[in-house]
PDB file of N, CA and C in Angstrom:
ATOM      1  N   MET A   1       0.820  -1.185   0.000  1.00  0.00           N
ATOM      2  CA  MET A   1       0.000   0.000   0.000  1.00  0.00           C
ATOM      3  C   MET A   1       0.868   1.255   0.000  1.00  0.00           C
ATOM      4  N   ASN A   2       2.002   1.199   0.671  1.00  0.00           N
ATOM      5  CA  ASN A   2       2.869   2.365   0.746  1.00  0.00           C
ATOM      6  C   ASN A   2       3.454   2.701  -0.625  1.00  0.00           C
ATOM      7  N   ILE A   3       3.808   1.688  -1.397  1.00  0.00           N
ATOM      8  CA  ILE A   3       4.365   1.934  -2.732  1.00  0.00           C
ATOM      9  C   ILE A   3       3.299   2.558  -3.630  1.00  0.00           C
ATOM     10  N   ILE A   4       2.080   2.100  -3.538  1.00  0.00           N
ATOM     11  CA  ILE A   4       0.991   2.687  -4.324  1.00  0.00           C
ATOM     12  C   ILE A   4       0.777   4.138  -3.906  1.00  0.00           C
ATOM     13  N   SER A   5       0.853   4.412  -2.604  1.00  0.00           N
ATOM     14  CA  SER A   5       0.696   5.770  -2.107  1.00  0.00           C
ATOM     15  C   SER A   5       1.812   6.679  -2.619  1.00  0.00           C
ATOM     16  N   ILE A   6       3.030   6.178  -2.654  1.00  0.00           N
ATOM     17  CA  ILE A   6       4.149   6.967  -3.167  1.00  0.00           C
ATOM     18  C   ILE A   6       3.981   7.223  -4.663  1.00  0.00           C
ATOM     19  N   LEU A   7       3.531   6.227  -5.412  1.00  0.00           N
ATOM     20  CA  LEU A   7       3.296   6.417  -6.838  1.00  0.00           C
ATOM     21  C   LEU A   7       2.197   7.460  -7.079  1.00  0.00           C
ATOM     22  N   ILE A   8       1.144   7.411  -6.281  1.00  0.00           N
ATOM     23  CA  ILE A   8       0.090   8.421  -6.395  1.00  0.00           C
ATOM     24  C   ILE A   8       0.653   9.793  -6.029  1.00  0.00           C
ATOM     25  N   GLY A   9       1.554   9.834  -5.057  1.00  0.00           N
ATOM     26  CA  GLY A   9       2.201  11.089  -4.690  1.00  0.00           C
ATOM     27  C   GLY A   9       3.019  11.662  -5.839  1.00  0.00           C
ATOM     28  N   PHE A  10       3.723  10.816  -6.581  1.00  0.00           N
ATOM     29  CA  PHE A  10       4.497  11.300  -7.720  1.00  0.00           C
ATOM     30  C   PHE A  10       3.588  11.788  -8.844  1.00  0.00           C
ATOM     31  N   VAL A  11       2.458  11.121  -9.038  1.00  0.00           N
ATOM     32  CA  VAL A  11       1.483  11.586 -10.039  1.00  0.00           C
ATOM     33  C   VAL A  11       0.931  12.944  -9.602  1.00  0.00           C
ATOM     34  N   THR A  12       0.613  13.070  -8.323  1.00  0.00           N
ATOM     35  CA  THR A  12       0.129  14.336  -7.793  1.00  0.00           C
ATOM     36  C   THR A  12       1.167  15.435  -7.971  1.00  0.00           C
ATOM     37  N   LEU A  13       2.422  15.113  -7.728  1.00  0.00           N
ATOM     38  CA  LEU A  13       3.499  16.086  -7.898  1.00  0.00           C
ATOM     39  C   LEU A  13       3.631  16.516  -9.358  1.00  0.00           C
ATOM     40  N   ALA A  14       3.552  15.576 -10.268  1.00  0.00           N
ATOM     41  CA  ALA A  14       3.677  15.901 -11.689  1.00  0.00           C
ATOM     42  C   ALA A  14       2.550  16.825 -12.141  1.00  0.00           C
ATOM     43  N   PHE A  15       1.313  16.481 -11.791  1.00  0.00           N
ATOM     44  CA  PHE A  15       0.184  17.330 -12.162  1.00  0.00           C
ATOM     45  C   PHE A  15       0.231  18.668 -11.429  1.00  0.00           C
ATOM     46  N   GLY A  16       0.701  18.641 -10.197  1.00  0.00           N
ATOM     47  CA  GLY A  16       0.787  19.870  -9.415  1.00  0.00           C
ATOM     48  C   GLY A  16       1.824  20.833  -9.949  1.00  0.00           C
ATOM     49  N   LEU A  17       2.921  20.317 -10.473  1.00  0.00           N
ATOM     50  CA  LEU A  17       3.914  21.200 -11.069  1.00  0.00           C
ATOM     51  C   LEU A  17       3.366  21.877 -12.314  1.00  0.00           C
ATOM     52  N   VAL A  18       2.547  21.177 -13.065  1.00  0.00           N
ATOM     53  CA  VAL A  18       1.888  21.793 -14.221  1.00  0.00           C
ATOM     54  C   VAL A  18       0.917  22.869 -13.739  1.00  0.00           C
ATOM     55  N   ALA A  19       0.272  22.642 -12.596  1.00  0.00           N
ATOM     56  CA  ALA A  19      -0.706  23.594 -12.066  1.00  0.00           C
ATOM     57  C   ALA A  19      -0.046  24.870 -11.559  1.00  0.00           C
ATOM     58  N   PHE A  20       1.270  24.881 -11.390  1.00  0.00           N
ATOM     59  CA  PHE A  20       1.967  26.098 -10.974  1.00  0.00           C
ATOM     60  C   PHE A  20       2.137  27.081 -12.125  1.00  0.00           C
ATOM     61  N   ILE A  21       1.906  26.648 -13.348  1.00  0.00           N
ATOM     62  CA  ILE A  21       1.988  27.537 -14.506  1.00  0.00           C
ATOM     63  C   ILE A  21       0.824  28.522 -14.425  1.00  0.00           C
ATOM     64  N   PRO A  22       1.092  29.803 -14.668  1.00  0.00           N
ATOM     65  CA  PRO A  22      -0.005  30.780 -14.604  1.00  0.00           C
ATOM     66  C   PRO A  22      -1.170  30.386 -15.521  1.00  0.00           C
ATOM     67  N   LEU A  23      -2.358  30.667 -15.061  1.00  0.00           N
ATOM     68  CA  LEU A  23      -3.629  30.373 -15.720  1.00  0.00           C
ATOM     69  C   LEU A  23      -3.998  28.885 -15.698  1.00  0.00           C
ATOM     70  N   LEU A  24      -3.197  28.058 -15.056  1.00  0.00           N
ATOM     71  CA  LEU A  24      -3.550  26.648 -14.903  1.00  0.00           C
ATOM     72  C   LEU A  24      -3.768  26.272 -13.436  1.00  0.00           C
ATOM     73  N   GLY A  25      -3.961  27.278 -12.583  1.00  0.00           N
ATOM     74  CA  GLY A  25      -4.177  27.040 -11.159  1.00  0.00           C
ATOM     75  C   GLY A  25      -5.451  26.274 -10.865  1.00  0.00           C
ATOM     76  N   TRP A  26      -6.408  26.304 -11.808  1.00  0.00           N
ATOM     77  CA  TRP A  26      -7.652  25.550 -11.624  1.00  0.00           C
ATOM     78  C   TRP A  26      -7.390  24.058 -11.526  1.00  0.00           C
ATOM     79  N   MET A  27      -6.229  23.602 -12.017  1.00  0.00           N
ATOM     80  CA  MET A  27      -5.898  22.174 -11.941  1.00  0.00           C
ATOM     81  C   MET A  27      -5.725  21.698 -10.506  1.00  0.00           C
ATOM     82  N   ASN A  28      -5.451  22.646  -9.585  1.00  0.00           N
ATOM     83  CA  ASN A  28      -5.298  22.259  -8.185  1.00  0.00           C
ATOM     84  C   ASN A  28      -6.576  21.652  -7.621  1.00  0.00           C
ATOM     85  N   TRP A  29      -7.720  22.015  -8.195  1.00  0.00           N
ATOM     86  CA  TRP A  29      -8.974  21.413  -7.754  1.00  0.00           C
ATOM     87  C   TRP A  29      -9.015  19.926  -8.074  1.00  0.00           C
ATOM     88  N   PHE A  30      -8.239  19.472  -9.033  1.00  0.00           N
ATOM     89  CA  PHE A  30      -8.172  18.050  -9.377  1.00  0.00           C
ATOM     90  C   PHE A  30      -6.982  17.359  -8.710  1.00  0.00           C
ATOM     91  N   VAL A  31      -5.928  18.131  -8.445  1.00  0.00           N
ATOM     92  CA  VAL A  31      -4.711  17.562  -7.867  1.00  0.00           C
ATOM     93  C   VAL A  31      -4.902  17.242  -6.386  1.00  0.00           C
ATOM     94  N   ILE A  32      -5.558  18.119  -5.667  1.00  0.00           N
ATOM     95  CA  ILE A  32      -5.723  17.919  -4.221  1.00  0.00           C
ATOM     96  C   ILE A  32      -6.509  16.640  -3.897  1.00  0.00           C
ATOM     97  N   PRO A  33      -7.620  16.341  -4.572  1.00  0.00           N
ATOM     98  CA  PRO A  33      -8.302  15.063  -4.269  1.00  0.00           C
ATOM     99  C   PRO A  33      -7.456  13.824  -4.588  1.00  0.00           C
ATOM    100  N   ILE A  34      -6.618  13.912  -5.621  1.00  0.00           N
ATOM    101  CA  ILE A  34      -5.720  12.784  -5.910  1.00  0.00           C
ATOM    102  C   ILE A  34      -4.763  12.583  -4.735  1.00  0.00           C
ATOM    103  N   GLY A  35      -4.257  13.688  -4.188  1.00  0.00           N
ATOM    104  CA  GLY A  35      -3.383  13.602  -3.018  1.00  0.00           C
ATOM    105  C   GLY A  35      -4.092  13.062  -1.797  1.00  0.00           C
ATOM    106  N   ILE A  36      -5.363  13.388  -1.652  1.00  0.00           N
ATOM    107  CA  ILE A  36      -6.136  12.867  -0.519  1.00  0.00           C
ATOM    108  C   ILE A  36      -6.290  11.353  -0.625  1.00  0.00           C
ATOM    109  N   VAL A  37      -6.526  10.865  -1.832  1.00  0.00           N
ATOM    110  CA  VAL A  37      -6.618   9.409  -2.034  1.00  0.00           C
ATOM    111  C   VAL A  37      -5.280   8.746  -1.705  1.00  0.00           C
ATOM    112  N   GLY A  38      -4.181   9.369  -2.146  1.00  0.00           N
ATOM    113  CA  GLY A  38      -2.850   8.829  -1.834  1.00  0.00           C
ATOM    114  C   GLY A  38      -2.567   8.827  -0.344  1.00  0.00           C
ATOM    115  N   ALA A  39      -2.982   9.885   0.354  1.00  0.00           N
ATOM    116  CA  ALA A  39      -2.775   9.949   1.800  1.00  0.00           C
ATOM    117  C   ALA A  39      -3.604   8.890   2.517  1.00  0.00           C
ATOM    118  N   ALA A  40      -4.812   8.643   2.018  1.00  0.00           N
ATOM    119  CA  ALA A  40      -5.655   7.612   2.629  1.00  0.00           C
ATOM    120  C   ALA A  40      -5.042   6.228   2.449  1.00  0.00           C
ATOM    121  N   LEU A  41      -4.519   5.966   1.257  1.00  0.00           N
ATOM    122  CA  LEU A  41      -3.857   4.672   1.044  1.00  0.00           C
ATOM    123  C   LEU A  41      -2.585   4.562   1.877  1.00  0.00           C
ATOM    124  N   GLY A  42      -1.874   5.675   2.026  1.00  0.00           N
ATOM    125  CA  GLY A  42      -0.671   5.664   2.851  1.00  0.00           C
ATOM    126  C   GLY A  42      -0.980   5.447   4.318  1.00  0.00           C
ATOM    127  N   ALA A  43      -2.146   5.904   4.754  1.00  0.00           N
ATOM    128  CA  ALA A  43      -2.542   5.702   6.148  1.00  0.00           C
ATOM    129  C   ALA A  43      -2.853   4.235   6.432  1.00  0.00           C
ATOM    130  N   LEU A  44      -3.203   3.481   5.397  1.00  0.00           N
ATOM    131  CA  LEU A  44      -3.522   2.066   5.582  1.00  0.00           C
ATOM    132  C   LEU A  44      -2.273   1.195   5.679  1.00  0.00           C
ATOM    133  N   SER A  45      -1.120   1.737   5.276  1.00  0.00           N
ATOM    134  CA  SER A  45       0.101   0.931   5.312  1.00  0.00           C
ATOM    135  C   SER A  45       0.824   1.129   6.638  1.00  0.00           C
ATOM    136  N   THR A  46       1.799   0.275   6.899  1.00  0.00           N
ATOM    137  CA  THR A  46       2.551   0.377   8.144  1.00  0.00           C
ATOM    138  C   THR A  46       3.626   1.443   8.062  1.00  0.00           C
ATOM    139  N   SER A  47       4.109   1.742   6.868  1.00  0.00           N
ATOM    140  CA  SER A  47       5.117   2.784   6.694  1.00  0.00           C
ATOM    141  C   SER A  47       4.437   4.138   6.516  1.00  0.00           C
ATOM    142  N   ARG A  48       5.122   5.200   6.874  1.00  0.00           N
ATOM    143  CA  ARG A  48       4.504   6.520   6.866  1.00  0.00           C
ATOM    144  C   ARG A  48       4.978   7.408   5.733  1.00  0.00           C
ATOM    145  N   SER A  49       5.922   6.981   4.930  1.00  0.00           N
ATOM    146  CA  SER A  49       6.519   7.869   3.934  1.00  0.00           C
ATOM    147  C   SER A  49       5.532   8.283   2.846  1.00  0.00           C
ATOM    148  N   GLY A  50       4.712   7.381   2.357  1.00  0.00           N
ATOM    149  CA  GLY A  50       3.733   7.711   1.331  1.00  0.00           C
ATOM    150  C   GLY A  50       2.678   8.673   1.834  1.00  0.00           C
ATOM    151  N   ARG A  51       2.213   8.437   3.045  1.00  0.00           N
ATOM    152  CA  ARG A  51       1.223   9.334   3.635  1.00  0.00           C
ATOM    153  C   ARG A  51       1.797  10.730   3.829  1.00  0.00           C
ATOM    154  N   ASN A  52       3.024  10.802   4.350  1.00  0.00           N
ATOM    155  CA  ASN A  52       3.638  12.092   4.596  1.00  0.00           C
ATOM    156  C   ASN A  52       3.898  12.849   3.298  1.00  0.00           C
ATOM    157  N   LEU A  53       4.325  12.149   2.256  1.00  0.00           N
ATOM    158  CA  LEU A  53       4.540  12.784   0.961  1.00  0.00           C
ATOM    159  C   LEU A  53       3.246  13.416   0.460  1.00  0.00           C
ATOM    160  N   ASN A  54       2.174  12.681   0.516  1.00  0.00           N
ATOM    161  CA  ASN A  54       0.895  13.191   0.024  1.00  0.00           C
ATOM    162  C   ASN A  54       0.370  14.329   0.891  1.00  0.00           C
ATOM    163  N   LEU A  55       0.564  14.265   2.196  1.00  0.00           N
ATOM    164  CA  LEU A  55       0.112  15.352   3.055  1.00  0.00           C
ATOM    165  C   LEU A  55       0.869  16.641   2.767  1.00  0.00           C
ATOM    166  N   VAL A  56       2.173  16.533   2.552  1.00  0.00           N
ATOM    167  CA  VAL A  56       2.968  17.721   2.210  1.00  0.00           C
ATOM    168  C   VAL A  56       2.501  18.305   0.884  1.00  0.00           C
ATOM    169  N   LEU A  57       2.253  17.458  -0.095  1.00  0.00           N
ATOM    170  CA  LEU A  57       1.787  17.929  -1.392  1.00  0.00           C
ATOM    171  C   LEU A  57       0.414  18.583  -1.290  1.00  0.00           C
ATOM    172  N   ILE A  58      -0.468  18.030  -0.488  1.00  0.00           N
ATOM    173  CA  ILE A  58      -1.799  18.615  -0.300  1.00  0.00           C
ATOM    174  C   ILE A  58      -1.671  20.019   0.284  1.00  0.00           C
ATOM    175  N   VAL A  59      -0.827  20.182   1.281  1.00  0.00           N
ATOM    176  CA  VAL A  59      -0.650  21.493   1.913  1.00  0.00           C
ATOM    177  C   VAL A  59      -0.078  22.499   0.915  1.00  0.00           C
ATOM    178  N   ILE A  60       0.942  22.093   0.161  1.00  0.00           N
ATOM    179  CA  ILE A  60       1.564  23.003  -0.809  1.00  0.00           C
ATOM    180  C   ILE A  60       0.562  23.442  -1.866  1.00  0.00           C
ATOM    181  N   PHE A  61      -0.180  22.513  -2.412  1.00  0.00           N
ATOM    182  CA  PHE A  61      -1.111  22.857  -3.482  1.00  0.00           C
ATOM    183  C   PHE A  61      -2.341  23.584  -2.959  1.00  0.00           C
ATOM    184  N   ALA A  62      -2.734  23.345  -1.730  1.00  0.00           N
ATOM    185  CA  ALA A  62      -3.833  24.114  -1.137  1.00  0.00           C
ATOM    186  C   ALA A  62      -3.392  25.560  -0.904  1.00  0.00           C
ATOM    187  N   LEU A  63      -2.150  25.754  -0.479  1.00  0.00           N
ATOM    188  CA  LEU A  63      -1.630  27.118  -0.331  1.00  0.00           C
ATOM    189  C   LEU A  63      -1.578  27.828  -1.674  1.00  0.00           C
ATOM    190  N   ARG A  64      -1.162  27.119  -2.698  1.00  0.00           N
ATOM    191  CA  ARG A  64      -1.128  27.705  -4.044  1.00  0.00           C
ATOM    192  C   ARG A  64      -2.531  28.080  -4.493  1.00  0.00           C
ATOM    193  N   LEU A  65      -3.492  27.255  -4.172  1.00  0.00           N
ATOM    194  CA  LEU A  65      -4.872  27.535  -4.536  1.00  0.00           C
ATOM    195  C   LEU A  65      -5.394  28.765  -3.783  1.00  0.00           C
ATOM    196  N   MET A  66      -5.027  28.877  -2.518  1.00  0.00           N
ATOM    197  CA  MET A  66      -5.446  30.055  -1.737  1.00  0.00           C
ATOM    198  C   MET A  66      -4.798  31.323  -2.267  1.00  0.00           C
ATOM    199  N   LEU A  67      -3.530  31.265  -2.610  1.00  0.00           N
ATOM    200  CA  LEU A  67      -2.847  32.447  -3.135  1.00  0.00           C
ATOM    201  C   LEU A  67      -3.422  32.879  -4.477  1.00  0.00           C
ATOM    202  N   GLY A  68      -3.894  31.944  -5.249  1.00  0.00           N
ATOM    203  CA  GLY A  68      -4.489  32.256  -6.543  1.00  0.00           C
ATOM    204  C   GLY A  68      -5.936  32.695  -6.452  1.00  0.00           C
ATOM    205  N   GLY A  69      -6.517  32.659  -5.267  1.00  0.00           N
ATOM    206  CA  GLY A  69      -7.898  33.102  -5.085  1.00  0.00           C
ATOM    207  C   GLY A  69      -8.926  32.003  -5.286  1.00  0.00           C
ATOM    208  N   GLY A  70      -8.513  30.761  -5.340  1.00  0.00           N
ATOM    209  CA  GLY A  70      -9.454  29.663  -5.568  1.00  0.00           C
ATOM    210  C   GLY A  70     -10.206  29.246  -4.328  1.00  0.00           C
ATOM    211  N   ILE A  71      -9.644  29.529  -3.144  1.00  0.00           N
ATOM    212  CA  ILE A  71     -10.309  29.243  -1.883  1.00  0.00           C
ATOM    213  C   ILE A  71     -10.367  30.551  -1.098  1.00  0.00           C
ATOM    214  N   PHE A  72     -11.518  30.863  -0.573  1.00  0.00           N
ATOM    215  CA  PHE A  72     -11.789  32.092   0.188  1.00  0.00           C
ATOM    216  C   PHE A  72     -11.700  33.229  -0.745  1.00  0.00           C
TER     217      PHE A  72
END
């Protein structure tokens, strides 16, 4: 489960880096739920690295979404 969570984290990172391009910030609305799924799968495993990776990515992309005016 941890390896699947890490792979989902890398997919989230790849899509999230594209979402940092100006005018593509709306992609964060799709990236954050992918990270949540990865964090949930990481929580089911005994290792914590996949969960922590996804949680960090969720926080970073949520901050980017807030700075872009997508939340609040």
